[in-house]
Amino acid sequence: MGTPSFVGVFVPCITPFSEQGEVDIPSLERVLDFILQSPVSGVVVAGTTGEGLFLSMAEKELLYQTLIDYRRRSSKKFLIIQGTGTQTLNEALSAVEVGARLGVDAVLALPPRTNEQNEIIDYYSRLHRATSLPLIAYNIPRVSGCLIRPETFEELFSRDVIIGIKDSTKDIQLLYAWKKAARAAILFVGEDKLIQEGVSRAGANATIAGVANVYARDVVGVFQLAKQGGGESEQALLSEKVKAFSDTGNFIGGIKK
């Protein structure tokens, strides 16, 4: 079986909770019903937008299982990318083992909390050796405390450790740098305001856009236009919607409302 095609819009699904603080599965399924009304390519579960860093392994397993069960019942075809939701190797290995057993399609893995690039290479290499699932590196220094450098990315890709990277730095120059370092790698735009330029100019293959939890159809529209070299005005409108959530001081909380 070949590697799935990671092209298009992927939605990093929020994780609803009940008043008792438990993962709210019926609400999650309603969120999926809404998201999948639009022609998205897939869903990321237990990512940053899904508050993966704050979930227990049991909660993450419940989310992975819920997505797999939902897809089995659904007429919709979509890919499932699991977030490891951790920066420790043992927990990441456990998450990857669970995801592979349940049937996810790929892994989005935060790096370890270090700026030592050899340690980042070792971390992803050990994850890669533990699974046959496609592995996607995740560059989000404001959360991880770690900046993956383009030369590190190039080495990981050249060794077939990773298939690509999600960049959420808000730095458009880094989007260009990733493609320059490894043109054949899959580049996911992780900053909702940079989808148009990331796709039309930097050569990004896909986006993982938090705002798509609410505006999936708008994000798909921007992505499709950007693939044809357009979409600037549509991106401007989408960016205003992103700003409205950001201005609340709690982007994830704003989306959940």
Protein backbone atom coordinates (compact mmCIF):
# COMPACT_ATOMS: atom_id res chain seq x y z
CA MET A 1 0.00 0.00 0.00
CA GLY A 2 1.46 3.37 -1.05
CA THR A 3 1.69 6.60 0.89
CA PRO A 4 -1.64 8.49 0.93
CA SER A 5 -1.84 11.75 -1.02
CA PHE A 6 -1.49 14.62 1.43
CA VAL A 7 -2.82 17.46 -0.69
CA GLY A 8 -5.52 19.99 0.15
CA VAL A 9 -7.15 21.20 3.34
CA PHE A 10 -6.78 19.31 6.61
CA VAL A 11 -8.76 20.39 9.65
CA PRO A 12 -7.09 20.22 13.09
CA CYS A 13 -10.25 19.25 14.91
CA ILE A 14 -11.09 20.82 18.26
CA THR A 15 -11.65 18.53 21.24
CA PRO A 16 -15.01 19.24 22.90
CA PHE A 17 -15.32 18.59 26.63
CA SER A 18 -18.36 18.04 28.81
CA GLU A 19 -19.10 20.14 31.89
CA GLN A 20 -17.49 17.32 33.88
CA GLY A 21 -14.23 17.78 31.94
CA GLU A 22 -14.54 14.57 29.92
CA VAL A 23 -14.07 14.27 26.16
CA ASP A 24 -17.53 14.85 24.66
CA ILE A 25 -17.87 12.28 21.90
CA PRO A 26 -21.37 13.26 20.66
CA SER A 27 -20.22 16.89 20.31
CA LEU A 28 -17.06 15.77 18.51
CA GLU A 29 -19.14 13.78 16.03
CA ARG A 30 -21.30 16.86 15.39
CA VAL A 31 -18.13 18.86 14.71
CA LEU A 32 -17.05 16.19 12.22
CA ASP A 33 -20.49 16.25 10.58
CA PHE A 34 -20.08 19.99 10.06
CA ILE A 35 -16.45 19.92 8.86
CA LEU A 36 -17.06 17.13 6.38
CA GLN A 37 -19.87 19.01 4.66
CA SER A 38 -16.97 20.74 2.88
CA PRO A 39 -14.55 18.95 0.52
CA VAL A 40 -11.64 18.73 2.95
CA SER A 41 -8.91 16.15 2.49
CA GLY A 42 -8.62 15.06 6.09
CA VAL A 43 -8.73 15.71 9.80
CA VAL A 44 -5.96 16.07 12.38
CA VAL A 45 -6.90 14.70 15.79
CA ALA A 46 -5.22 15.60 19.12
CA GLY A 47 -3.13 18.31 17.49
CA THR A 48 -2.42 21.73 18.98
CA THR A 49 -5.91 23.02 18.15
CA GLY A 50 -7.24 19.79 19.66
CA GLU A 51 -5.30 20.53 22.88
CA GLY A 52 -3.29 17.35 22.47
CA LEU A 53 -0.57 18.46 24.89
CA PHE A 54 -3.13 18.50 27.69
CA LEU A 55 -4.74 15.13 26.97
CA SER A 56 -3.96 11.86 28.69
CA MET A 57 -2.97 8.84 26.61
CA ALA A 58 -6.38 7.33 27.34
CA GLU A 59 -8.11 10.47 26.04
CA LYS A 60 -5.97 10.51 22.90
CA GLU A 61 -6.72 6.86 22.25
CA LEU A 62 -10.43 7.60 22.65
CA LEU A 63 -10.15 10.40 20.08
CA TYR A 64 -8.21 8.26 17.60
CA GLN A 65 -10.76 5.47 17.97
CA THR A 66 -13.68 7.86 17.57
CA LEU A 67 -12.29 9.20 14.28
CA ILE A 68 -11.65 5.68 12.97
CA ASP A 69 -15.15 4.52 13.93
CA TYR A 70 -16.71 7.66 12.43
CA ARG A 71 -14.92 7.10 9.13
CA ARG A 72 -16.05 3.47 8.99
CA ARG A 73 -19.68 4.59 9.31
CA SER A 74 -19.34 7.56 6.99
CA SER A 75 -19.81 7.79 3.24
CA LYS A 76 -17.12 10.50 3.25
CA LYS A 77 -13.55 9.61 2.34
CA PHE A 78 -10.95 11.50 4.36
CA LEU A 79 -7.51 10.95 5.84
CA ILE A 80 -6.86 10.86 9.58
CA ILE A 81 -3.62 12.35 10.90
CA GLN A 82 -2.95 11.75 14.56
CA GLY A 83 -1.19 14.33 16.69
CA THR A 84 1.17 12.75 19.20
CA GLY A 85 0.37 15.53 21.67
CA THR A 86 3.67 15.16 23.52
CA GLN A 87 7.34 16.10 23.42
CA THR A 88 8.65 13.08 25.28
CA LEU A 89 9.86 10.08 23.30
CA ASN A 90 8.22 7.31 25.35
CA GLU A 91 4.80 8.98 25.21
CA ALA A 92 5.20 9.66 21.50
CA LEU A 93 6.13 6.02 20.88
CA SER A 94 3.05 4.91 22.81
CA ALA A 95 0.80 7.25 20.83
CA VAL A 96 2.25 6.08 17.52
CA GLU A 97 1.75 2.42 18.46
CA VAL A 98 -1.88 3.07 19.36
CA GLY A 99 -2.55 5.09 16.22
CA ALA A 100 -1.03 2.43 13.95
CA ARG A 101 -3.03 -0.31 15.64
CA LEU A 102 -6.29 1.59 15.25
CA GLY A 103 -5.67 2.56 11.62
CA VAL A 104 -4.74 6.25 11.33
CA ASP A 105 -3.05 7.35 8.11
CA ALA A 106 -0.14 9.47 9.35
CA VAL A 107 1.52 10.99 12.42
CA LEU A 108 2.04 14.70 13.13
CA ALA A 109 4.77 14.78 15.77
CA LEU A 110 6.01 17.69 17.84
CA PRO A 111 9.79 17.78 18.29
CA PRO A 112 11.48 17.31 21.67
CA ARG A 113 11.91 20.44 23.76
CA THR A 114 15.45 21.23 22.64
CA ASN A 115 17.24 23.34 20.06
CA GLU A 116 20.02 20.77 19.67
CA GLN A 117 19.44 19.72 16.08
CA ASN A 118 21.15 16.33 16.47
CA GLU A 119 18.69 15.52 19.27
CA ILE A 120 15.78 16.48 17.00
CA ILE A 121 17.13 14.18 14.28
CA ASP A 122 17.53 11.34 16.77
CA TYR A 123 14.01 11.86 18.15
CA TYR A 124 12.29 11.69 14.76
CA SER A 125 14.54 8.83 13.65
CA ARG A 126 13.51 6.74 16.64
CA LEU A 127 9.84 7.45 15.98
CA HIS A 128 10.32 6.48 12.34
CA ARG A 129 11.93 3.17 13.28
CA ALA A 130 8.96 2.37 15.51
CA THR A 131 6.24 2.72 12.86
CA SER A 132 5.46 2.28 9.19
CA LEU A 133 3.10 5.28 9.31
CA PRO A 134 4.15 8.40 7.36
CA LEU A 135 5.72 10.87 9.79
CA ILE A 136 5.24 14.65 9.57
CA ALA A 137 7.49 17.00 11.53
CA TYR A 138 5.83 19.94 13.28
CA ASN A 139 7.56 23.31 13.49
CA ILE A 140 5.77 25.52 16.04
CA PRO A 141 8.43 27.12 18.28
CA ARG A 142 5.99 29.25 20.29
CA VAL A 143 4.47 26.00 21.62
CA SER A 144 7.33 23.51 21.42
CA GLY A 145 10.19 25.80 22.49
CA CYS A 146 12.12 24.30 19.57
CA LEU A 147 12.99 25.61 16.12
CA ILE A 148 13.60 22.95 13.48
CA ARG A 149 16.17 24.31 11.04
CA PRO A 150 15.89 23.81 7.26
CA GLU A 151 19.14 21.81 7.16
CA THR A 152 17.76 19.48 9.83
CA PHE A 153 14.56 19.08 7.85
CA GLU A 154 16.58 18.34 4.71
CA GLU A 155 18.55 15.62 6.49
CA LEU A 156 15.45 14.00 7.96
CA PHE A 157 13.73 13.99 4.58
CA SER A 158 16.77 12.70 2.71
CA ARG A 159 16.95 9.77 5.15
CA ASP A 160 13.24 9.01 4.53
CA VAL A 161 12.52 9.63 8.22
CA ILE A 162 9.75 12.14 7.48
CA ILE A 163 7.53 12.82 4.47
CA GLY A 164 7.14 16.54 5.18
CA ILE A 165 6.58 19.28 7.70
CA LYS A 166 3.84 21.49 9.09
CA ASP A 167 5.13 25.01 9.61
CA SER A 168 3.25 27.26 12.05
CA THR A 169 5.92 29.91 12.61
CA LYS A 170 4.05 32.73 10.80
CA ASP A 171 7.32 33.31 8.90
CA ILE A 172 6.65 33.22 5.15
CA GLN A 173 10.39 33.00 4.44
CA LEU A 174 10.54 29.66 6.21
CA LEU A 175 7.86 28.29 3.88
CA TYR A 176 10.15 29.08 0.97
CA ALA A 177 13.13 27.62 2.86
CA TRP A 178 11.45 24.25 3.44
CA LYS A 179 10.76 23.78 -0.26
CA LYS A 180 14.27 24.93 -1.16
CA ALA A 181 15.71 22.38 1.27
CA ALA A 182 13.60 19.46 0.03
CA ARG A 183 11.41 20.22 -2.97
CA ALA A 184 9.79 16.77 -3.02
CA ALA A 185 8.72 16.98 0.64
CA ILE A 186 5.10 17.68 1.58
CA LEU A 187 4.71 21.16 3.01
CA PHE A 188 1.69 21.97 5.19
CA VAL A 189 0.96 25.65 5.84
CA GLY A 190 0.09 25.89 9.53
CA GLU A 191 -0.57 29.64 9.69
CA ASP A 192 -4.10 30.43 8.55
CA LYS A 193 -3.16 33.90 7.26
CA LEU A 194 -0.46 32.54 4.94
CA ILE A 195 -2.41 29.88 3.04
CA GLN A 196 -2.63 31.82 -0.23
CA GLU A 197 1.03 32.83 -0.45
CA GLY A 198 2.22 29.53 0.96
CA VAL A 199 0.39 27.57 -1.73
CA SER A 200 0.61 29.91 -4.72
CA ARG A 201 4.21 31.07 -4.28
CA ALA A 202 6.08 28.89 -1.78
CA GLY A 203 4.78 25.67 -3.32
CA ALA A 204 2.97 24.25 -0.28
CA ASN A 205 1.00 21.08 -0.94
CA ALA A 206 -1.57 21.42 1.82
CA THR A 207 -2.74 23.41 4.80
CA ILE A 208 -3.68 22.42 8.34
CA ALA A 209 -5.89 25.36 9.28
CA GLY A 210 -7.50 25.81 12.69
CA VAL A 211 -10.04 28.30 11.38
CA ALA A 212 -11.42 25.51 9.15
CA ASN A 213 -13.25 24.18 12.22
CA VAL A 214 -15.66 27.06 11.56
CA TYR A 215 -14.92 28.16 7.99
CA ALA A 216 -13.92 24.96 6.21
CA ARG A 217 -15.55 25.94 2.93
CA ASP A 218 -13.78 29.32 2.92
CA VAL A 219 -10.41 27.66 3.54
CA VAL A 220 -11.02 25.17 0.75
CA GLY A 221 -11.91 28.07 -1.55
CA VAL A 222 -8.70 29.95 -0.74
CA PHE A 223 -6.63 26.81 -1.23
CA GLN A 224 -8.18 25.95 -4.59
CA LEU A 225 -7.78 29.50 -5.91
CA ALA A 226 -4.21 29.66 -4.63
CA LYS A 227 -3.36 26.50 -6.57
CA GLN A 228 -4.28 28.51 -9.68
CA GLY A 229 -2.25 31.54 -8.57
CA GLY A 230 -5.19 33.57 -7.25
CA GLY A 231 -7.16 33.94 -4.04
CA GLU A 232 -5.58 37.11 -2.61
CA SER A 233 -8.90 38.86 -1.86
CA GLU A 234 -10.41 35.65 -0.48
CA GLN A 235 -7.38 35.23 1.79
CA ALA A 236 -7.80 38.81 3.03
CA LEU A 237 -11.38 38.06 4.02
CA LEU A 238 -10.36 34.80 5.69
CA SER A 239 -7.57 36.57 7.57
CA GLU A 240 -10.11 38.98 9.04
CA LYS A 241 -12.05 36.01 10.38
CA VAL A 242 -8.84 34.55 11.83
CA LYS A 243 -8.08 37.90 13.47
CA ALA A 244 -11.51 37.97 15.10
CA PHE A 245 -10.71 34.69 16.87
CA SER A 246 -7.16 35.76 17.74
CA ASP A 247 -8.37 39.07 19.20
CA THR A 248 -10.31 37.18 21.86
CA GLY A 249 -6.94 36.24 23.39
CA ASN A 250 -7.83 32.55 23.13
CA PHE A 251 -7.90 31.32 19.54
CA ILE A 252 -9.04 27.78 20.41
CA GLY A 253 -11.64 29.02 22.87
CA GLY A 254 -12.96 31.43 20.24
CA ILE A 255 -13.36 28.62 17.72
CA LYS A 256 -15.19 26.47 20.25
CA LYS A 257 -17.76 29.18 20.86
